[in-house]
Protein backbone atom coordinates (compact mmCIF):
# COMPACT_ATOMS: atom_id res chain seq x y z
CA MET A 1 181.89 -26.88 104.32
CA ASP A 2 178.53 -26.56 102.42
CA ARG A 3 178.68 -23.35 100.27
CA GLU A 4 176.04 -22.01 97.58
CA LYS A 5 177.49 -19.31 95.03
CA ASP A 6 175.47 -16.56 93.19
CA ILE A 7 175.91 -12.76 92.12
CA PHE A 8 177.49 -10.89 94.63
CA GLN A 9 177.96 -7.15 94.47
CA LEU A 10 180.03 -5.05 97.19
CA ASP A 11 177.79 -1.97 97.03
CA ASP A 12 174.76 -4.00 97.53
CA VAL A 13 175.78 -4.94 101.21
CA SER A 14 174.79 -1.98 103.45
CA PHE A 15 175.26 -1.60 107.16
CA GLN A 16 176.00 0.88 109.35
CA TYR A 17 178.91 3.32 110.99
CA TYR A 18 179.53 4.77 114.38
CA LYS A 19 181.57 7.73 115.26
CA GLY A 20 184.82 7.59 117.20
CA ASP A 21 183.58 7.14 120.62
CA VAL A 22 183.59 3.64 122.21
CA LYS A 23 180.24 4.12 124.32
CA ASN A 24 178.41 5.67 121.60
CA HIS A 25 175.93 3.41 120.36
CA LYS A 26 173.92 5.66 118.32
CA VAL A 27 174.14 4.96 114.38
CA ALA A 28 175.89 7.77 112.61
CA GLY A 29 175.09 6.79 108.97
CA GLU A 30 174.76 4.11 106.65
CA THR A 31 177.83 2.74 104.15
CA ASN A 32 178.36 -0.62 102.38
CA LEU A 33 181.24 -3.18 101.56
CA LYS A 34 182.69 -1.26 98.49
CA ALA A 35 183.11 2.27 100.87
CA LEU A 36 184.22 0.13 103.54
CA PHE A 37 187.15 -1.73 101.60
CA ASP A 38 188.01 1.88 99.79
CA ALA A 39 188.51 3.51 103.44
CA ILE A 40 190.74 0.71 104.39
CA LYS A 41 193.03 0.92 101.29
CA GLU A 42 192.90 4.72 101.70
CA PRO A 43 191.53 6.35 105.01
CA SER A 44 191.10 10.16 105.49
CA PRO A 45 194.42 11.80 106.51
CA GLU A 46 193.22 11.83 110.13
CA SER A 47 192.08 8.45 110.34
CA ARG A 48 195.60 7.01 108.69
CA GLU A 49 197.70 9.33 111.15
CA LEU A 50 195.61 8.12 113.88
CA ILE A 51 196.09 4.50 112.97
CA GLU A 52 199.84 5.21 112.72
CA GLN A 53 199.73 6.33 116.20
CA ILE A 54 198.00 3.13 117.29
CA ARG A 55 200.54 0.97 115.64
CA LYS A 56 203.43 2.77 117.98
CA ALA A 57 201.59 2.95 121.07
CA GLY A 58 201.16 0.40 123.81
CA GLY A 59 198.87 -0.78 126.57
CA ARG A 60 196.51 1.74 127.60
CA GLU A 61 197.41 4.45 125.43
CA LYS A 62 196.56 1.97 122.22
CA ALA A 63 193.02 1.35 123.96
CA GLU A 64 192.48 5.06 124.00
CA LEU A 65 193.57 5.99 120.77
CA LYS A 66 191.40 2.72 118.98
CA ALA A 67 188.25 3.91 120.92
CA LYS A 68 188.63 7.16 118.74
CA LEU A 69 188.58 5.28 115.10
CA ILE A 70 185.12 5.22 113.17
CA SER A 71 183.52 1.71 113.74
CA VAL A 72 181.04 -0.63 111.72
CA THR A 73 178.75 -3.24 112.67
CA PRO A 74 178.78 -5.22 109.06
CA CYS A 75 176.79 -8.07 110.62
CA ARG A 76 173.27 -6.25 111.14
CA VAL A 77 171.47 -3.08 110.72
CA VAL A 78 169.60 -1.58 113.60
CA ASN A 79 166.72 0.99 114.60
CA LYS A 80 169.10 4.09 115.82
CA TYR A 81 171.10 2.67 118.41
CA ASN A 82 172.97 -0.64 118.65
CA HIS A 83 171.22 -3.06 120.64
CA GLN A 84 170.21 -6.37 119.91
CA ASP A 85 166.38 -5.62 120.64
CA ASN A 86 166.46 -2.83 117.90
CA THR A 87 167.88 -5.26 115.07
CA LYS A 88 166.12 -4.64 111.69
CA HIS A 89 167.65 -7.48 109.75
CA PHE A 90 170.69 -9.24 109.17
CA THR A 91 173.33 -8.63 106.26
CA GLY A 92 174.29 -12.13 105.77
CA LEU A 93 177.85 -11.21 106.69
CA LEU A 94 179.96 -12.79 109.64
CA ALA A 95 182.79 -10.98 111.21
CA LEU A 96 185.98 -12.47 112.54
CA ASP A 97 188.88 -10.80 114.45
CA PHE A 98 192.38 -12.41 115.23
CA ASP A 99 194.65 -10.54 117.43
CA LYS A 100 197.67 -10.75 119.73
CA ILE A 101 199.99 -12.33 116.84
CA THR A 102 203.11 -10.73 115.25
CA THR A 103 202.49 -8.75 111.77
CA ASN A 104 203.87 -11.52 109.99
CA GLU A 105 201.83 -14.24 110.93
CA ALA A 106 198.51 -11.72 110.30
CA ILE A 107 199.89 -11.20 106.93
CA LYS A 108 200.40 -14.99 106.34
CA TYR A 109 196.78 -15.98 108.00
CA LYS A 110 195.04 -12.86 106.22
CA GLY A 111 195.94 -14.99 102.71
CA LEU A 112 195.79 -18.13 104.11
CA ILE A 113 192.21 -17.90 104.99
CA HIS A 114 191.04 -17.25 101.49
CA LYS A 115 192.36 -20.74 100.39
CA ASP A 116 190.56 -22.55 103.30
CA PHE A 117 187.44 -20.79 103.07
CA SER A 118 186.01 -19.63 99.88
CA CYS A 119 183.10 -17.84 101.51
CA VAL A 120 185.73 -15.22 102.76
CA VAL A 121 184.53 -11.91 101.52
CA ALA A 122 187.65 -9.97 102.42
CA SER A 123 190.71 -10.03 104.91
CA TRP A 124 192.96 -7.01 106.41
CA LEU A 125 195.51 -6.27 109.12
CA SER A 126 193.69 -4.79 112.20
CA SER A 127 194.42 -1.14 113.52
CA SER A 128 197.39 -2.49 115.61
CA SER A 129 198.85 -4.51 112.72
CA LYS A 130 199.22 -7.18 115.26
CA GLY A 131 196.24 -9.05 113.85
CA PHE A 132 193.94 -9.34 111.17
CA ARG A 133 190.01 -9.13 110.53
CA ALA A 134 188.16 -10.91 107.92
CA LEU A 135 184.29 -11.10 106.78
CA ILE A 136 182.51 -14.32 105.73
CA ARG A 137 179.41 -14.76 103.91
CA ILE A 138 176.76 -16.44 105.22
CA PRO A 139 172.93 -16.78 104.45
CA ILE A 140 170.70 -13.80 105.79
CA VAL A 141 169.44 -15.34 108.93
CA LYS A 142 166.16 -14.39 110.86
CA ASP A 143 167.51 -14.13 114.40
CA LYS A 144 170.74 -14.22 116.69
CA ASP A 145 170.57 -17.83 117.71
CA GLU A 146 170.60 -18.58 113.73
CA PHE A 147 173.46 -16.25 113.19
CA LYS A 148 175.58 -17.98 116.33
CA SER A 149 175.21 -21.27 114.79
CA HIS A 150 177.14 -20.20 111.72
CA TYR A 151 179.53 -18.45 113.55
CA ARG A 152 180.37 -21.75 115.87
CA ALA A 153 180.18 -23.70 112.34
CA ILE A 154 183.45 -21.39 111.19
CA ARG A 155 184.85 -21.07 114.71
CA LYS A 156 185.00 -25.14 114.84
CA LYS A 157 186.76 -25.34 111.39
CA LEU A 158 189.14 -22.88 112.42
CA ILE A 159 190.17 -24.85 115.38
CA GLU A 160 190.48 -27.85 113.37
CA LEU A 161 192.73 -26.01 110.89
CA ASN A 162 195.01 -24.61 113.86
CA TYR A 163 194.26 -20.94 113.34
CA PRO A 164 195.27 -18.18 116.06
CA LYS A 165 192.41 -17.79 118.42
CA SER A 166 189.72 -15.53 117.02
CA ASP A 167 188.01 -13.11 119.34
CA ASP A 168 184.64 -14.81 120.34
CA GLN A 169 182.83 -11.22 121.44
CA LEU A 170 182.06 -11.51 117.39
CA ILE A 171 179.50 -14.34 118.25
CA ASN A 172 177.54 -11.17 119.01
CA SER A 173 176.23 -9.95 115.85
CA GLY A 174 176.44 -6.28 116.90
CA GLN A 175 179.59 -6.28 117.94
CA LYS A 176 181.84 -3.08 116.32
CA MET A 177 184.58 -3.50 114.04
CA TYR A 178 187.09 -0.71 114.01
CA LEU A 179 188.66 1.21 110.64
CA SER A 180 192.16 0.01 109.56
CA TYR A 181 194.44 0.56 107.11
CA ASP A 182 195.55 -2.02 104.80
CA ARG A 183 196.68 -0.91 101.16
CA HIS A 184 196.97 -4.64 100.28
CA ILE A 185 193.29 -5.78 101.74
CA LEU A 186 192.44 -9.10 99.89
CA ILE A 187 188.97 -8.94 98.20
CA ASN A 188 187.22 -11.82 97.02
CA PRO A 189 184.85 -10.80 93.86
CA GLU A 190 182.86 -13.96 94.16
CA PRO A 191 182.46 -15.47 97.73
CA THR A 192 180.39 -18.34 98.33
CA VAL A 193 177.67 -19.21 100.75
CA CYS A 194 178.62 -20.67 104.13
CA THR A 195 175.62 -22.61 104.88
CA ASP A 196 177.22 -24.87 107.47
CA THR A 197 175.92 -24.25 111.10
CA PHE A 198 176.95 -26.04 114.36
CA GLU A 199 174.83 -26.38 117.64
CA PRO A 200 176.97 -26.80 120.93
CA ILE A 201 175.78 -29.58 123.50
CA THR A 202 173.44 -29.04 126.13
CA LYS A 203 173.78 -29.23 129.68
CA LYS A 204 171.94 -32.12 129.97
CA ASP A 205 174.55 -34.08 127.82
CA ILE A 206 176.99 -33.27 130.49
CA ILE A 207 177.97 -36.29 133.12
CA PRO A 208 176.95 -35.41 136.40
CA ILE A 209 179.72 -34.83 138.95
CA SER A 210 179.66 -36.44 142.31
CA GLU A 211 179.09 -34.42 145.58
CA SER A 212 182.53 -36.16 146.62
CA THR A 213 185.24 -33.82 145.48
CA VAL A 214 188.88 -33.54 145.46
CA LEU A 215 188.38 -31.07 148.18
CA SER A 216 185.74 -30.99 150.64
CA PRO A 217 183.19 -28.02 150.37
CA SER A 218 184.84 -26.08 153.32
CA ARG A 219 188.22 -26.25 152.07
CA ALA A 220 187.62 -25.45 148.63
CA GLU A 221 185.28 -22.70 149.49
CA LYS A 222 188.22 -21.00 151.77
CA ARG A 223 190.55 -21.71 148.87
CA ALA A 224 188.17 -19.91 146.25
CA SER A 225 187.41 -17.27 148.64
CA ALA A 226 191.10 -16.25 149.25
CA ILE A 227 192.23 -16.41 145.54
CA PHE A 228 189.29 -14.15 144.61
CA THR A 229 189.58 -11.63 147.75
CA GLN A 230 193.41 -11.02 147.42
CA ALA A 231 193.05 -10.26 143.46
CA ILE A 232 190.13 -7.96 144.09
CA ASN A 233 191.69 -6.08 147.30
CA ASN A 234 194.59 -5.31 145.12
CA ILE A 235 192.44 -3.12 142.46
CA ILE A 236 192.83 0.29 143.66
CA ASP A 237 192.76 1.77 140.01
CA GLY A 238 193.06 1.23 136.46
CA GLU A 239 191.29 -2.03 134.85
CA GLY A 240 188.95 -3.46 137.42
CA HIS A 241 186.74 -5.12 134.74
CA THR A 242 189.57 -7.30 133.38
CA THR A 243 190.61 -8.27 137.14
CA VAL A 244 187.26 -9.29 138.05
CA ARG A 245 186.42 -11.11 135.06
CA LYS A 246 189.76 -13.11 135.27
CA TYR A 247 189.43 -14.08 138.62
CA ALA A 248 185.36 -14.77 138.26
CA SER A 249 186.31 -17.16 135.65
CA ILE A 250 188.41 -18.97 137.95
CA LEU A 251 185.40 -19.17 140.24
CA GLY A 252 183.28 -20.36 137.61
CA GLY A 253 185.70 -23.14 136.67
CA MET A 254 185.68 -24.47 140.34
CA ALA A 255 181.81 -24.35 140.09
CA LYS A 256 182.05 -26.27 136.90
CA ALA A 257 184.27 -28.89 138.69
CA GLY A 258 182.03 -29.00 141.51
CA TYR A 259 184.02 -27.92 144.23
CA ILE A 260 181.85 -24.80 144.81
CA THR A 261 178.18 -23.97 144.30
CA LEU A 262 177.42 -21.78 141.60
CA VAL A 263 175.22 -19.61 143.95
CA TRP A 264 178.23 -19.52 146.09
CA ALA A 265 180.49 -18.13 143.57
CA GLU A 266 178.03 -15.31 142.69
CA SER A 267 177.53 -14.29 146.30
CA LEU A 268 181.30 -14.21 147.07
CA ALA A 269 182.07 -11.98 144.19
CA ALA A 270 179.28 -9.73 144.73
CA ASN A 271 180.13 -9.31 148.62
CA VAL A 272 183.94 -9.00 148.11
CA ILE A 273 183.29 -6.22 145.17
CA ARG A 274 181.29 -4.37 147.41
CA ALA A 275 183.72 -4.09 150.08
CA ASN A 276 186.50 -2.82 147.73
CA LYS A 277 186.77 1.13 147.82
CA TYR A 278 187.58 1.49 144.27
CA LEU A 279 184.95 -1.14 142.96
CA SER A 280 182.33 -0.28 145.22
CA LYS A 281 181.66 3.20 143.08
CA ASP A 282 180.51 1.09 140.32
CA HIS A 283 179.58 -2.11 142.23
CA LYS A 284 176.46 -3.05 140.00
CA GLY A 285 178.77 -2.79 137.01
CA TYR A 286 181.64 -5.02 138.27
CA ILE A 287 179.04 -7.43 139.94
CA LYS A 288 177.50 -7.87 136.49
CA THR A 289 180.99 -8.66 135.16
CA SER A 290 181.42 -11.12 137.61
CA ARG A 291 178.29 -13.02 137.32
CA THR A 292 178.70 -13.29 133.31
CA ALA A 293 182.26 -14.47 133.66
CA ILE A 294 181.24 -17.04 136.05
CA ASN A 295 178.39 -18.33 134.33
CA THR A 296 180.42 -18.31 131.02
CA ALA A 297 183.12 -20.39 132.70
CA THR A 298 180.32 -23.09 133.69
CA GLU A 299 178.98 -23.61 130.31
CA PRO A 300 179.81 -26.80 128.66
CA TYR A 301 182.51 -27.16 126.50
CA TYR A 302 181.86 -27.73 122.19
CA LEU A 303 183.05 -30.97 120.67
CA THR A 304 185.17 -30.67 117.56
CA ASP A 305 185.05 -33.15 114.53
CA PRO A 306 186.77 -35.71 114.74
CA TYR A 307 185.27 -36.62 117.72
CA LYS A 308 187.82 -37.95 120.29
CA GLU A 309 186.18 -41.34 121.34
CA ALA A 310 187.47 -42.36 124.83
CA LEU A 311 185.62 -45.59 125.76
CA ASN A 312 182.39 -47.14 126.23
CA ILE A 313 181.10 -46.00 129.65
CA ASP A 314 178.54 -48.57 130.29
CA GLY A 315 178.73 -49.72 133.50
CA VAL A 316 181.14 -46.73 134.71
CA SER A 317 179.77 -45.11 137.65
CA LYS A 318 178.53 -41.61 137.40
CA GLY A 319 179.09 -40.63 140.62
CA GLN A 320 183.01 -40.52 140.52
CA ASN A 321 185.01 -37.52 139.80
CA ALA A 322 187.58 -38.38 137.29
CA TYR A 323 188.79 -41.19 134.68
CA PHE A 324 192.20 -42.65 134.65
CA PHE A 325 194.12 -43.45 131.22
CA TYR A 326 197.22 -44.28 129.71
CA VAL A 327 199.27 -42.09 127.02
CA ASN A 328 202.52 -44.01 125.75
CA GLY A 329 202.38 -46.25 128.99
CA ARG A 330 202.00 -43.13 131.43
CA LYS A 331 198.85 -43.21 133.68
CA ASN A 332 196.83 -39.64 133.25
CA SER A 333 193.42 -38.93 134.59
CA ILE A 334 190.65 -36.40 133.06
CA SER A 335 187.87 -34.89 135.15
CA ILE A 336 184.40 -35.67 134.49
CA SER A 337 183.57 -32.04 133.99
CA GLN A 338 186.09 -32.10 130.82
CA ALA A 339 184.07 -35.30 129.53
CA ILE A 340 180.68 -35.33 127.20
CA LEU A 341 178.49 -38.42 127.45
CA GLN A 342 176.54 -39.04 124.01
CA ASN A 343 174.99 -42.56 122.88
CA GLY A 344 176.76 -44.54 125.88
CA LYS A 345 180.51 -43.00 124.75
CA MET A 346 182.42 -40.65 126.44
CA PHE A 347 184.01 -37.91 124.27
CA PHE A 348 186.45 -35.22 125.21
CA SER A 349 186.09 -31.27 124.77
CA GLU A 350 188.19 -29.64 122.44
CA TYR A 351 190.33 -28.36 124.96
CA SER A 352 191.36 -31.69 126.22
CA SER A 353 191.55 -33.46 122.86
CA ASN A 354 194.01 -30.39 122.15
CA ASN A 355 195.66 -31.41 125.06
CA TYR A 356 195.87 -35.24 124.44
CA PRO A 357 195.98 -35.40 120.39
CA ASP A 358 197.72 -38.94 120.37
CA VAL A 359 195.75 -40.61 123.13
CA VAL A 360 195.90 -44.35 123.29
CA PHE A 361 193.04 -45.13 125.93
CA SER A 362 193.83 -48.79 127.25
CA GLN A 363 192.27 -48.59 130.63
CA VAL A 364 189.62 -47.07 132.85
CA GLN A 365 189.14 -47.50 136.28
CA ASN A 366 186.04 -46.98 138.25
CA ILE A 367 187.42 -44.38 140.95
CA ARG A 368 186.46 -41.95 143.69
CA VAL A 369 189.06 -39.11 144.07
């Protein structure tokens, strides 16, 4: 990755912190990297006790305890409240969050990331100890789009190096990071500057999907409605947003594949949510969650290096829904929604290329499914 190097002082990099209330977006004060790292090495007795409780807890209890921790937003500085419109400037830091792995894996990767990225400022165990956090040094960007471009470049490299999945909420420069406890935090006193950027493909690069689909529209709509309605009807309390997000993503996937329309998916989700006794109390919030999940699921995939070139698509109809290809003599297929068209060539997204890392493409048939 492209890198630059200059003098870097921990106490020169300032950002803001927030009191232990997950819904509190008002800035409590200012801190810097040195103070943050000192607090991670040796938290206050109250914070350390809370973190130890988090490491013993599970499920909802752990989430509720975690929300009481002090948090920081190391990537940007805002005016009074942590909202994108209030951004004053960016700090030259990019945060990474790896979770849902074992403590041993977290210890392994928090050290390995320093070997793979000279631009890592520091890495440490998460508050649960079932993951790790890292800060990356990047140029001081001008806006959120430039920030996201740097984030995507780091994320792409992590995928190529087979790191655990990172929490992509941190593509939002205002995402909070909670205080943790790690006496063995790893700090790089001379991090380089990662200048790499990466832009996703646009929707115009995606091969159009035929109106002819595996399921007729009426059957597809009935199936989508049954899946989503049954899941939402089972919500009587608890994690409503989690369930809505999960099953709305399924609707988005079906819309991306061309089985249903985006408008129909959003309308179905809104109507089912309003009809649910529990969700109807805050139906606007749940509908917003469903729309976000549906639209996120329909976004184009990102490409990874090296590209997985499949075949020259000259002469292949854009009206088909799938391609056939062969792996070790076995016939396979992939939908057009997972293929990307660039410069007369078809490439596969990172997800499909991960599924077929050793593919030998020997034949393609112009088909209609």
